[in-house]
C-alpha atoms as a PDB file:
ATOM      1  CA  MET A   1     310.181 210.740  -4.152  1.00  0.00           C
ATOM      2  CA  GLY A   2     312.006 209.065  -1.308  1.00  0.00           C
ATOM      3  CA  VAL A   3     314.355 210.026   1.470  1.00  0.00           C
ATOM      4  CA  ASP A   4     318.054 209.220   1.445  1.00  0.00           C
ATOM      5  CA  MET A   5     320.596 209.373   4.243  1.00  0.00           C
ATOM      6  CA  ASN A   6     323.836 211.356   4.031  1.00  0.00           C
ATOM      7  CA  TYR A   7     326.299 210.122   6.638  1.00  0.00           C
ATOM      8  CA  GLU A   8     329.911 209.857   7.710  1.00  0.00           C
ATOM      9  CA  PHE A   9     331.696 207.667  10.247  1.00  0.00           C
ATOM     10  CA  GLN A  10     334.347 209.619  12.182  1.00  0.00           C
ATOM     11  CA  LYS A  11     337.056 208.709  14.684  1.00  0.00           C
ATOM     12  CA  LYS A  12     338.516 211.058  17.285  1.00  0.00           C
ATOM     13  CA  SER A  13     342.065 212.264  16.654  1.00  0.00           C
ATOM     14  CA  PRO A  14     344.271 214.921  18.252  1.00  0.00           C
ATOM     15  CA  LYS A  15     343.092 217.332  15.521  1.00  0.00           C
ATOM     16  CA  GLY A  16     339.375 216.630  16.036  1.00  0.00           C
ATOM     17  CA  TRP A  17     337.202 214.140  14.184  1.00  0.00           C
ATOM     18  CA  ASP A  18     338.499 212.418  11.058  1.00  0.00           C
ATOM     19  CA  ARG A  19     336.480 210.579   8.430  1.00  0.00           C
ATOM     20  CA  VAL A  20     336.632 206.788   8.522  1.00  0.00           C
ATOM     21  CA  ASN A  21     336.015 204.713   5.396  1.00  0.00           C
ATOM     22  CA  ASP A  22     333.141 202.279   5.683  1.00  0.00           C
ATOM     23  CA  ASN A  23     331.504 199.462   3.744  1.00  0.00           C
ATOM     24  CA  PHE A  24     327.854 200.286   4.464  1.00  0.00           C
ATOM     25  CA  SER A  25     325.700 200.038   1.309  1.00  0.00           C
ATOM     26  CA  ASN A  26     323.412 202.882   2.456  1.00  0.00           C
ATOM     27  CA  ASP A  27     320.408 201.224   0.838  1.00  0.00           C
ATOM     28  CA  ARG A  28     317.183 203.078   1.653  1.00  0.00           C
ATOM     29  CA  SER A  29     315.527 201.808   4.829  1.00  0.00           C
ATOM     30  CA  TYR A  30     312.907 203.877   6.619  1.00  0.00           C
ATOM     31  CA  LEU A  31     313.117 201.374   9.466  1.00  0.00           C
ATOM     32  CA  LEU A  32     316.797 202.299   9.935  1.00  0.00           C
ATOM     33  CA  TYR A  33     316.097 206.002   9.445  1.00  0.00           C
ATOM     34  CA  SER A  34     313.388 205.890  12.133  1.00  0.00           C
ATOM     35  CA  TRP A  35     315.723 204.165  14.571  1.00  0.00           C
ATOM     36  CA  LEU A  36     318.361 206.839  13.908  1.00  0.00           C
ATOM     37  CA  GLY A  37     315.845 209.596  14.691  1.00  0.00           C
ATOM     38  CA  LEU A  38     313.933 210.500  11.511  1.00  0.00           C
ATOM     39  CA  ASP A  39     310.314 210.626  12.656  1.00  0.00           C
ATOM     40  CA  ALA A  40     308.712 211.679   9.354  1.00  0.00           C
ATOM     41  CA  ARG A  41     308.731 208.156   7.841  1.00  0.00           C
ATOM     42  CA  ASN A  42     308.335 206.177  11.070  1.00  0.00           C
ATOM     43  CA  THR A  43     305.327 204.021  10.197  1.00  0.00           C
ATOM     44  CA  TRP A  44     306.476 201.297  12.618  1.00  0.00           C
ATOM     45  CA  GLY A  45     306.442 203.384  15.792  1.00  0.00           C
ATOM     46  CA  VAL A  46     310.141 202.618  16.247  1.00  0.00           C
ATOM     47  CA  ALA A  47     311.737 204.322  19.245  1.00  0.00           C
ATOM     48  CA  ALA A  48     314.690 206.436  18.157  1.00  0.00           C
ATOM     49  CA  ILE A  49     318.020 205.776  19.843  1.00  0.00           C
ATOM     50  CA  THR A  50     318.064 209.465  20.757  1.00  0.00           C
ATOM     51  CA  PRO A  51     316.103 212.516  19.600  1.00  0.00           C
ATOM     52  CA  LEU A  52     317.668 214.486  16.749  1.00  0.00           C
ATOM     53  CA  ARG A  53     320.595 216.550  18.047  1.00  0.00           C
ATOM     54  CA  GLY A  54     321.483 218.681  15.056  1.00  0.00           C
ATOM     55  CA  LEU A  55     325.038 218.715  13.793  1.00  0.00           C
ATOM     56  CA  PRO A  56     327.909 218.566  16.283  1.00  0.00           C
ATOM     57  CA  ASP A  57     329.310 221.966  17.285  1.00  0.00           C
ATOM     58  CA  ASP A  58     332.430 221.401  15.182  1.00  0.00           C
ATOM     59  CA  ILE A  59     330.459 221.015  11.914  1.00  0.00           C
ATOM     60  CA  GLU A  60     328.573 223.711  10.013  1.00  0.00           C
ATOM     61  CA  LEU A  61     326.106 223.337   7.184  1.00  0.00           C
ATOM     62  CA  GLN A  62     327.379 224.542   3.826  1.00  0.00           C
ATOM     63  CA  TRP A  63     324.442 225.937   1.855  1.00  0.00           C
ATOM     64  CA  ASP A  64     324.458 225.923  -1.932  1.00  0.00           C
ATOM     65  CA  GLU A  65     322.507 228.190  -4.276  1.00  0.00           C
ATOM     66  CA  ASP A  66     319.406 225.989  -3.903  1.00  0.00           C
ATOM     67  CA  GLY A  67     319.446 226.268  -0.116  1.00  0.00           C
ATOM     68  CA  CYS A  68     320.611 222.695   0.410  1.00  0.00           C
ATOM     69  CA  ASP A  69     323.620 221.175   2.075  1.00  0.00           C
ATOM     70  CA  ASP A  70     324.855 218.627  -0.437  1.00  0.00           C
ATOM     71  CA  TYR A  71     326.985 216.850   2.157  1.00  0.00           C
ATOM     72  CA  TRP A  72     324.865 216.631   5.330  1.00  0.00           C
ATOM     73  CA  GLY A  73     321.444 216.638   3.670  1.00  0.00           C
ATOM     74  CA  GLU A  74     318.482 218.977   3.608  1.00  0.00           C
ATOM     75  CA  HIS A  75     317.034 218.244   7.054  1.00  0.00           C
ATOM     76  CA  SER A  76     317.048 216.234  10.271  1.00  0.00           C
ATOM     77  CA  GLN A  77     320.796 216.328  10.899  1.00  0.00           C
ATOM     78  CA  THR A  78     322.035 214.512  13.968  1.00  0.00           C
ATOM     79  CA  TRP A  79     324.921 212.471  15.324  1.00  0.00           C
ATOM     80  CA  LEU A  80     325.310 209.346  17.412  1.00  0.00           C
ATOM     81  CA  LEU A  81     328.207 207.494  18.981  1.00  0.00           C
ATOM     82  CA  SER A  82     328.872 203.873  18.146  1.00  0.00           C
ATOM     83  CA  ASP A  83     328.485 203.058  21.867  1.00  0.00           C
ATOM     84  CA  GLU A  84     324.896 204.354  21.771  1.00  0.00           C
ATOM     85  CA  ILE A  85     324.019 202.355  18.680  1.00  0.00           C
ATOM     86  CA  LEU A  86     325.600 199.142  19.948  1.00  0.00           C
ATOM     87  CA  ALA A  87     323.883 199.480  23.354  1.00  0.00           C
ATOM     88  CA  SER A  88     320.464 199.995  21.755  1.00  0.00           C
ATOM     89  CA  THR A  89     318.117 197.207  20.724  1.00  0.00           C
ATOM     90  CA  SER A  90     317.834 197.321  16.954  1.00  0.00           C
ATOM     91  CA  PRO A  91     314.327 197.407  15.492  1.00  0.00           C
ATOM     92  CA  VAL A  92     312.895 194.247  14.036  1.00  0.00           C
ATOM     93  CA  ALA A  93     311.398 194.260  10.561  1.00  0.00           C
ATOM     94  CA  ILE A  94     307.642 193.815  10.513  1.00  0.00           C
ATOM     95  CA  GLU A  95     305.624 191.958   7.877  1.00  0.00           C
ATOM     96  CA  ASP A  96     308.646 190.671   5.949  1.00  0.00           C
ATOM     97  CA  ASP A  97     309.946 194.204   5.444  1.00  0.00           C
ATOM     98  CA  GLU A  98     313.145 193.698   3.449  1.00  0.00           C
ATOM     99  CA  PRO A  99     314.770 196.926   4.707  1.00  0.00           C
ATOM    100  CA  GLY A 100     315.277 195.101   8.017  1.00  0.00           C
ATOM    101  CA  SER A 101     318.377 193.563   6.433  1.00  0.00           C
ATOM    102  CA  VAL A 102     319.774 197.091   5.986  1.00  0.00           C
ATOM    103  CA  VAL A 103     319.471 197.620   9.745  1.00  0.00           C
ATOM    104  CA  ALA A 104     321.448 194.421  10.364  1.00  0.00           C
ATOM    105  CA  GLU A 105     324.076 195.479   7.818  1.00  0.00           C
ATOM    106  CA  PHE A 106     324.378 198.930   9.422  1.00  0.00           C
ATOM    107  CA  CYS A 107     324.765 197.439  12.915  1.00  0.00           C
ATOM    108  CA  ALA A 108     327.427 195.018  11.686  1.00  0.00           C
ATOM    109  CA  GLU A 109     329.357 197.880  10.089  1.00  0.00           C
ATOM    110  CA  VAL A 110     329.126 199.996  13.258  1.00  0.00           C
ATOM    111  CA  GLN A 111     330.434 196.993  15.227  1.00  0.00           C
ATOM    112  CA  ARG A 112     333.292 196.459  12.761  1.00  0.00           C
ATOM    113  CA  ILE A 113     334.398 200.099  12.767  1.00  0.00           C
ATOM    114  CA  HIS A 114     334.002 200.313  16.553  1.00  0.00           C
ATOM    115  CA  GLY A 115     336.268 197.272  16.858  1.00  0.00           C
ATOM    116  CA  LEU A 116     338.927 198.965  14.723  1.00  0.00           C
ATOM    117  CA  HIS A 117     338.828 202.480  16.181  1.00  0.00           C
ATOM    118  CA  GLY A 118     336.979 202.347  19.496  1.00  0.00           C
ATOM    119  CA  THR A 119     334.101 204.768  19.913  1.00  0.00           C
ATOM    120  CA  VAL A 120     333.300 206.474  16.621  1.00  0.00           C
ATOM    121  CA  ARG A 121     330.822 209.196  15.764  1.00  0.00           C
ATOM    122  CA  ILE A 122     328.253 208.849  13.004  1.00  0.00           C
ATOM    123  CA  VAL A 123     327.094 212.220  11.671  1.00  0.00           C
ATOM    124  CA  LEU A 124     324.069 212.132   9.412  1.00  0.00           C
ATOM    125  CA  GLY A 125     321.268 214.029   7.759  1.00  0.00           C
ATOM    126  CA  PHE A 126     318.542 213.330   5.236  1.00  0.00           C
ATOM    127  CA  THR A 127     317.620 214.509   1.758  1.00  0.00           C
ATOM    128  CA  GLY A 128     314.153 214.270   0.246  1.00  0.00           C
END
């Protein structure tokens, strides 16, 4: 069983934070997950951009009958700003690790959305 990321890009509006559509494939990459703060699968010793923060104050978990949040994931919820991601040095894949391309794709999508909307928030959690 693997771990998957649940995420949402959001832009600030007068009403709060609004979802932004994205083109990220969300292919599984423990290298990316480690960089975003998930320590459980960090076999590379990658430094996280920031320690896990939990969900932002304006978002609450919605538990289902199985005790899971289907939207934000089962564990390790956090959020980051596009400025933080773009200012951080992205991890480099080791030993021809193919998931390194997912990191590059994610960074390119953060850059694209940041260019369209300015600073955006990425809220995420993990399942599995």
